[in-house]
C-alpha atoms as a PDB file:
ATOM      1  CA  UNK A   1     -41.733  18.514 -23.730  1.00  0.00           C
ATOM      2  CA  UNK A   2     -43.448  20.458 -20.995  1.00  0.00           C
ATOM      3  CA  UNK A   3     -45.055  18.783 -18.007  1.00  0.00           C
ATOM      4  CA  UNK A   4     -47.984  20.215 -16.131  1.00  0.00           C
ATOM      5  CA  UNK A   5     -47.335  20.976 -12.473  1.00  0.00           C
ATOM      6  CA  UNK A   6     -49.624  18.201 -11.168  1.00  0.00           C
ATOM      7  CA  UNK A   7     -47.906  15.615 -13.375  1.00  0.00           C
ATOM      8  CA  UNK A   8     -44.459  16.833 -12.334  1.00  0.00           C
ATOM      9  CA  UNK A   9     -45.501  16.569  -8.674  1.00  0.00           C
ATOM     10  CA  UNK A  10     -46.759  13.013  -9.188  1.00  0.00           C
ATOM     11  CA  UNK A  11     -43.433  12.034 -10.741  1.00  0.00           C
ATOM     12  CA  UNK A  12     -41.459  13.700  -7.972  1.00  0.00           C
ATOM     13  CA  UNK A  13     -43.529  12.068  -5.217  1.00  0.00           C
ATOM     14  CA  UNK A  14     -43.340   8.650  -6.902  1.00  0.00           C
ATOM     15  CA  UNK A  15     -39.575   8.949  -7.235  1.00  0.00           C
ATOM     16  CA  UNK A  16     -39.106  10.033  -3.627  1.00  0.00           C
ATOM     17  CA  UNK A  17     -41.399   7.291  -2.372  1.00  0.00           C
ATOM     18  CA  UNK A  18     -39.397   4.648  -4.205  1.00  0.00           C
ATOM     19  CA  UNK A  19     -36.140   6.110  -2.917  1.00  0.00           C
ATOM     20  CA  UNK A  20     -37.480   5.742   0.626  1.00  0.00           C
ATOM     21  CA  UNK A  21     -38.953   2.238   0.266  1.00  0.00           C
ATOM     22  CA  UNK A  22     -36.318   0.275  -1.657  1.00  0.00           C
ATOM     23  CA  UNK A  23     -33.355   0.857   0.718  1.00  0.00           C
ATOM     24  CA  UNK A  24     -35.496  -0.472   3.594  1.00  0.00           C
ATOM     25  CA  UNK A  25     -36.244  -3.572   1.539  1.00  0.00           C
ATOM     26  CA  UNK A  26     -32.525  -3.936   0.787  1.00  0.00           C
ATOM     27  CA  UNK A  27     -31.698  -3.961   4.505  1.00  0.00           C
ATOM     28  CA  UNK A  28     -34.240  -6.732   5.043  1.00  0.00           C
ATOM     29  CA  UNK A  29     -32.851  -8.779   2.159  1.00  0.00           C
ATOM     30  CA  UNK A  30     -29.294  -8.462   3.465  1.00  0.00           C
ATOM     31  CA  UNK A  31     -30.378  -9.691   6.914  1.00  0.00           C
ATOM     32  CA  UNK A  32     -32.392 -12.599   5.506  1.00  0.00           C
ATOM     33  CA  UNK A  33     -30.848 -16.049   6.156  1.00  0.00           C
ATOM     34  CA  UNK A  34     -31.517 -16.962   2.512  1.00  0.00           C
ATOM     35  CA  UNK A  35     -29.137 -14.216   1.359  1.00  0.00           C
ATOM     36  CA  UNK A  36     -25.969 -16.206   2.122  1.00  0.00           C
ATOM     37  CA  UNK A  37     -25.080 -19.875   2.009  1.00  0.00           C
ATOM     38  CA  UNK A  38     -23.330 -21.850   4.767  1.00  0.00           C
ATOM     39  CA  UNK A  39     -19.941 -20.468   3.645  1.00  0.00           C
ATOM     40  CA  UNK A  40     -21.173 -16.875   3.683  1.00  0.00           C
ATOM     41  CA  UNK A  41     -21.228 -16.519  -0.097  1.00  0.00           C
ATOM     42  CA  UNK A  42     -24.103 -14.607  -1.717  1.00  0.00           C
ATOM     43  CA  UNK A  43     -26.956 -16.777  -2.999  1.00  0.00           C
ATOM     44  CA  UNK A  44     -29.186 -16.342  -6.047  1.00  0.00           C
ATOM     45  CA  UNK A  45     -31.793 -14.903  -3.683  1.00  0.00           C
ATOM     46  CA  UNK A  46     -29.438 -12.073  -2.756  1.00  0.00           C
ATOM     47  CA  UNK A  47     -28.169 -11.511  -6.299  1.00  0.00           C
ATOM     48  CA  UNK A  48     -31.660 -11.396  -7.774  1.00  0.00           C
ATOM     49  CA  UNK A  49     -32.914  -8.986  -5.137  1.00  0.00           C
ATOM     50  CA  UNK A  50     -29.844  -6.745  -5.453  1.00  0.00           C
ATOM     51  CA  UNK A  51     -30.385  -6.473  -9.208  1.00  0.00           C
ATOM     52  CA  UNK A  52     -34.090  -5.747  -8.746  1.00  0.00           C
ATOM     53  CA  UNK A  53     -33.475  -3.140  -6.047  1.00  0.00           C
ATOM     54  CA  UNK A  54     -30.660  -1.386  -7.913  1.00  0.00           C
ATOM     55  CA  UNK A  55     -32.794  -1.175 -11.066  1.00  0.00           C
ATOM     56  CA  UNK A  56     -35.739   0.187  -9.069  1.00  0.00           C
ATOM     57  CA  UNK A  57     -33.529   2.819  -7.414  1.00  0.00           C
ATOM     58  CA  UNK A  58     -32.147   3.925 -10.778  1.00  0.00           C
ATOM     59  CA  UNK A  59     -35.695   4.292 -12.129  1.00  0.00           C
ATOM     60  CA  UNK A  60     -36.710   6.140  -8.940  1.00  0.00           C
ATOM     61  CA  UNK A  61     -33.863   8.620  -9.363  1.00  0.00           C
ATOM     62  CA  UNK A  62     -34.777   9.171 -12.998  1.00  0.00           C
ATOM     63  CA  UNK A  63     -38.441   9.653 -12.083  1.00  0.00           C
ATOM     64  CA  UNK A  64     -37.592  12.161  -9.356  1.00  0.00           C
ATOM     65  CA  UNK A  65     -35.230  14.093 -11.642  1.00  0.00           C
ATOM     66  CA  UNK A  66     -37.885  14.281 -14.378  1.00  0.00           C
ATOM     67  CA  UNK A  67     -40.360  15.542 -11.760  1.00  0.00           C
ATOM     68  CA  UNK A  68     -37.978  18.217 -10.535  1.00  0.00           C
ATOM     69  CA  UNK A  69     -37.133  19.307 -14.067  1.00  0.00           C
ATOM     70  CA  UNK A  70     -40.835  19.478 -14.838  1.00  0.00           C
ATOM     71  CA  UNK A  71     -41.407  21.761 -11.853  1.00  0.00           C
ATOM     72  CA  UNK A  72     -38.400  23.968 -12.507  1.00  0.00           C
ATOM     73  CA  UNK A  73     -39.151  24.309 -16.153  1.00  0.00           C
END
């Protein structure tokens, strides 16, 4: 499958954007008081957000790689 240059650029930009945004969100989640209970153990809030963020980062990497491969050919 061949991607047009504009489509490849959109995928690359979307992937890079997500790779910039999600780590910032992760830092905020880790600092949130809801992330750990009174004993310091991770809560469901933290676990849920970690799963969501890791999935989003994996998709962002895949999107960026597809964009780069579309540009390179």
